[in-house]
Amino acid sequence: MSNSEDGLKVGELARASGLSIRTVRYYDQIGLLTPSRRSPAGHRLYDASDVRRLDRICLLRRAGLPLAEIGQALDEPG
């Protein structure tokens, strides 16, 4: 993480993951990837746990799971 204290902004996370900013924002909109916090200016800030969640989301998408099933799989304990 380049801004380890503050977290990654949406553009930084998108670049690091290879996704578009629009995709990352969509994942936020549908509740699949919610940023840990927001800056005073309202920017989404993603921490290391958010990055790990996005990695799992990308892995499950490549495996062919629909977004609704990915959300359920990540939110269920165990």
N, C-alpha and C. Protein backbone atom coordinates (compact mmCIF):
# COMPACT_ATOMS: atom_id res chain seq x y z
N MET A 1 0.83 -1.17 0.00
CA MET A 1 0.00 0.00 0.00
C MET A 1 0.87 1.24 0.00
N SER A 2 0.64 2.14 -0.87
CA SER A 2 1.47 3.32 -0.94
C SER A 2 1.18 4.28 0.20
N ASN A 3 -0.05 4.41 0.59
CA ASN A 3 -0.43 5.29 1.69
C ASN A 3 -0.90 4.45 2.86
N SER A 4 0.00 3.69 3.46
CA SER A 4 -0.39 2.70 4.45
C SER A 4 -1.16 3.30 5.61
N GLU A 5 -0.85 4.54 6.00
CA GLU A 5 -1.58 5.16 7.10
C GLU A 5 -3.01 5.48 6.70
N ASP A 6 -3.17 6.02 5.51
CA ASP A 6 -4.47 6.50 5.07
C ASP A 6 -5.28 5.44 4.34
N GLY A 7 -4.63 4.53 3.68
CA GLY A 7 -5.30 3.56 2.84
C GLY A 7 -5.18 3.97 1.38
N LEU A 8 -5.70 3.13 0.54
CA LEU A 8 -5.66 3.40 -0.90
C LEU A 8 -6.94 4.08 -1.35
N LYS A 9 -6.80 5.07 -2.21
CA LYS A 9 -7.97 5.67 -2.84
C LYS A 9 -8.45 4.73 -3.94
N VAL A 10 -9.66 4.96 -4.41
CA VAL A 10 -10.27 4.05 -5.39
C VAL A 10 -9.42 3.89 -6.64
N GLY A 11 -8.83 4.95 -7.13
CA GLY A 11 -7.99 4.86 -8.32
C GLY A 11 -6.74 4.03 -8.09
N GLU A 12 -6.14 4.19 -6.92
CA GLU A 12 -4.95 3.40 -6.59
C GLU A 12 -5.29 1.92 -6.47
N LEU A 13 -6.43 1.64 -5.83
CA LEU A 13 -6.86 0.25 -5.70
C LEU A 13 -7.18 -0.35 -7.06
N ALA A 14 -7.84 0.42 -7.90
CA ALA A 14 -8.18 -0.07 -9.24
C ALA A 14 -6.91 -0.39 -10.03
N ARG A 15 -5.94 0.50 -10.00
CA ARG A 15 -4.68 0.26 -10.73
C ARG A 15 -3.97 -0.98 -10.19
N ALA A 16 -3.92 -1.11 -8.88
CA ALA A 16 -3.22 -2.23 -8.26
C ALA A 16 -3.89 -3.57 -8.57
N SER A 17 -5.22 -3.55 -8.74
CA SER A 17 -5.96 -4.79 -8.96
C SER A 17 -6.17 -5.11 -10.44
N GLY A 18 -5.94 -4.12 -11.30
CA GLY A 18 -6.18 -4.32 -12.72
C GLY A 18 -7.63 -4.13 -13.12
N LEU A 19 -8.44 -3.65 -12.20
CA LEU A 19 -9.85 -3.37 -12.48
C LEU A 19 -10.03 -1.91 -12.84
N SER A 20 -11.17 -1.58 -13.38
CA SER A 20 -11.46 -0.18 -13.65
C SER A 20 -12.00 0.48 -12.37
N ILE A 21 -11.87 1.78 -12.31
CA ILE A 21 -12.43 2.53 -11.18
C ILE A 21 -13.94 2.29 -11.12
N ARG A 22 -14.55 2.26 -12.28
CA ARG A 22 -16.00 2.04 -12.34
C ARG A 22 -16.39 0.71 -11.69
N THR A 23 -15.60 -0.34 -11.93
CA THR A 23 -15.88 -1.65 -11.35
C THR A 23 -15.76 -1.61 -9.84
N VAL A 24 -14.69 -0.99 -9.33
CA VAL A 24 -14.50 -0.90 -7.88
C VAL A 24 -15.65 -0.12 -7.26
N ARG A 25 -16.06 0.97 -7.89
CA ARG A 25 -17.20 1.75 -7.37
C ARG A 25 -18.49 0.93 -7.42
N TYR A 26 -18.66 0.14 -8.47
CA TYR A 26 -19.85 -0.72 -8.57
C TYR A 26 -19.87 -1.73 -7.44
N TYR A 27 -18.73 -2.34 -7.15
CA TYR A 27 -18.66 -3.29 -6.03
C TYR A 27 -19.04 -2.62 -4.72
N ASP A 28 -18.67 -1.35 -4.56
CA ASP A 28 -19.09 -0.59 -3.38
C ASP A 28 -20.60 -0.37 -3.41
N GLN A 29 -21.11 0.02 -4.55
CA GLN A 29 -22.55 0.32 -4.71
C GLN A 29 -23.42 -0.88 -4.35
N ILE A 30 -22.99 -2.09 -4.73
CA ILE A 30 -23.79 -3.28 -4.45
C ILE A 30 -23.43 -3.93 -3.11
N GLY A 31 -22.49 -3.32 -2.38
CA GLY A 31 -22.15 -3.81 -1.05
C GLY A 31 -21.16 -4.97 -1.03
N LEU A 32 -20.52 -5.22 -2.15
CA LEU A 32 -19.56 -6.33 -2.24
C LEU A 32 -18.20 -5.94 -1.65
N LEU A 33 -17.81 -4.70 -1.84
CA LEU A 33 -16.52 -4.22 -1.34
C LEU A 33 -16.72 -2.80 -0.81
N THR A 34 -16.92 -2.70 0.47
CA THR A 34 -17.14 -1.40 1.10
C THR A 34 -15.82 -0.88 1.65
N PRO A 35 -15.48 0.38 1.35
CA PRO A 35 -14.22 0.92 1.88
C PRO A 35 -14.26 0.99 3.41
N SER A 36 -13.11 0.79 4.02
CA SER A 36 -13.03 0.81 5.47
C SER A 36 -13.38 2.17 6.05
N ARG A 37 -13.03 3.20 5.30
CA ARG A 37 -13.37 4.54 5.77
C ARG A 37 -13.34 5.52 4.61
N ARG A 38 -13.63 6.76 4.93
CA ARG A 38 -13.58 7.83 3.94
C ARG A 38 -12.71 8.95 4.49
N SER A 39 -12.07 9.64 3.57
CA SER A 39 -11.24 10.77 3.96
C SER A 39 -12.15 11.94 4.34
N PRO A 40 -11.61 12.97 4.98
CA PRO A 40 -12.44 14.15 5.28
C PRO A 40 -13.07 14.76 4.03
N ALA A 41 -12.42 14.56 2.88
CA ALA A 41 -12.96 15.08 1.62
C ALA A 41 -13.97 14.13 0.99
N GLY A 42 -14.20 12.96 1.61
CA GLY A 42 -15.20 12.03 1.11
C GLY A 42 -14.66 10.94 0.20
N HIS A 43 -13.33 10.90 0.01
CA HIS A 43 -12.74 9.86 -0.84
C HIS A 43 -12.82 8.50 -0.15
N ARG A 44 -13.13 7.47 -0.94
CA ARG A 44 -13.11 6.11 -0.40
C ARG A 44 -11.67 5.73 -0.08
N LEU A 45 -11.46 5.12 1.09
CA LEU A 45 -10.12 4.66 1.47
C LEU A 45 -10.20 3.19 1.84
N TYR A 46 -9.35 2.41 1.18
CA TYR A 46 -9.35 0.95 1.34
C TYR A 46 -8.10 0.53 2.10
N ASP A 47 -8.27 -0.30 3.13
CA ASP A 47 -7.13 -0.78 3.90
C ASP A 47 -6.73 -2.18 3.42
N ALA A 48 -5.76 -2.77 4.12
CA ALA A 48 -5.22 -4.07 3.70
C ALA A 48 -6.29 -5.15 3.69
N SER A 49 -7.23 -5.13 4.63
CA SER A 49 -8.29 -6.15 4.64
C SER A 49 -9.21 -5.98 3.43
N ASP A 50 -9.42 -4.74 3.00
CA ASP A 50 -10.23 -4.50 1.80
C ASP A 50 -9.52 -5.04 0.56
N VAL A 51 -8.21 -4.85 0.51
CA VAL A 51 -7.42 -5.35 -0.63
C VAL A 51 -7.50 -6.88 -0.68
N ARG A 52 -7.39 -7.53 0.48
CA ARG A 52 -7.51 -9.00 0.51
C ARG A 52 -8.90 -9.44 0.06
N ARG A 53 -9.93 -8.72 0.48
CA ARG A 53 -11.30 -9.07 0.05
C ARG A 53 -11.42 -8.92 -1.47
N LEU A 54 -10.87 -7.84 -2.02
CA LEU A 54 -10.93 -7.65 -3.46
C LEU A 54 -10.17 -8.75 -4.19
N ASP A 55 -9.05 -9.17 -3.64
CA ASP A 55 -8.32 -10.30 -4.25
C ASP A 55 -9.19 -11.54 -4.31
N ARG A 56 -9.92 -11.82 -3.22
CA ARG A 56 -10.82 -13.00 -3.20
C ARG A 56 -11.96 -12.82 -4.19
N ILE A 57 -12.49 -11.61 -4.28
CA ILE A 57 -13.57 -11.34 -5.25
C ILE A 57 -13.07 -11.63 -6.66
N CYS A 58 -11.90 -11.13 -7.00
CA CYS A 58 -11.33 -11.34 -8.34
C CYS A 58 -11.10 -12.83 -8.61
N LEU A 59 -10.60 -13.53 -7.62
CA LEU A 59 -10.36 -14.97 -7.77
C LEU A 59 -11.67 -15.72 -8.04
N LEU A 60 -12.69 -15.40 -7.28
CA LEU A 60 -13.98 -16.07 -7.46
C LEU A 60 -14.65 -15.68 -8.77
N ARG A 61 -14.46 -14.45 -9.23
CA ARG A 61 -14.99 -14.04 -10.55
C ARG A 61 -14.32 -14.85 -11.65
N ARG A 62 -12.99 -15.01 -11.54
CA ARG A 62 -12.28 -15.81 -12.55
C ARG A 62 -12.74 -17.25 -12.54
N ALA A 63 -13.19 -17.72 -11.39
CA ALA A 63 -13.71 -19.10 -11.29
C ALA A 63 -15.13 -19.20 -11.84
N GLY A 64 -15.73 -18.06 -12.19
CA GLY A 64 -17.04 -18.08 -12.82
C GLY A 64 -18.23 -17.85 -11.91
N LEU A 65 -18.00 -17.53 -10.64
CA LEU A 65 -19.12 -17.30 -9.73
C LEU A 65 -19.77 -15.95 -10.01
N PRO A 66 -21.10 -15.89 -9.95
CA PRO A 66 -21.79 -14.60 -10.09
C PRO A 66 -21.57 -13.74 -8.85
N LEU A 67 -21.68 -12.44 -9.01
CA LEU A 67 -21.41 -11.52 -7.90
C LEU A 67 -22.27 -11.80 -6.67
N ALA A 68 -23.53 -12.15 -6.86
CA ALA A 68 -24.41 -12.43 -5.72
C ALA A 68 -23.88 -13.61 -4.90
N GLU A 69 -23.40 -14.64 -5.58
CA GLU A 69 -22.85 -15.80 -4.87
C GLU A 69 -21.52 -15.47 -4.20
N ILE A 70 -20.74 -14.60 -4.83
CA ILE A 70 -19.47 -14.19 -4.24
C ILE A 70 -19.74 -13.46 -2.93
N GLY A 71 -20.70 -12.55 -2.93
CA GLY A 71 -21.04 -11.81 -1.72
C GLY A 71 -21.46 -12.76 -0.60
N GLN A 72 -22.28 -13.74 -0.93
CA GLN A 72 -22.73 -14.72 0.07
C GLN A 72 -21.54 -15.53 0.58
N ALA A 73 -20.69 -15.97 -0.34
CA ALA A 73 -19.55 -16.81 0.05
C ALA A 73 -18.59 -16.05 0.97
N LEU A 74 -18.37 -14.78 0.69
CA LEU A 74 -17.43 -14.01 1.50
C LEU A 74 -18.01 -13.58 2.84
N ASP A 75 -19.31 -13.45 2.90
CA ASP A 75 -19.95 -12.97 4.13
C ASP A 75 -20.35 -14.08 5.08
N GLU A 76 -20.38 -15.32 4.60
CA GLU A 76 -20.74 -16.44 5.47
C GLU A 76 -19.54 -16.86 6.30
N PRO A 77 -19.73 -17.10 7.58
CA PRO A 77 -18.61 -17.57 8.40
C PRO A 77 -18.17 -18.97 7.95
N GLY A 78 -16.87 -19.18 8.01
CA GLY A 78 -16.33 -20.50 7.63
C GLY A 78 -16.25 -20.62 6.17
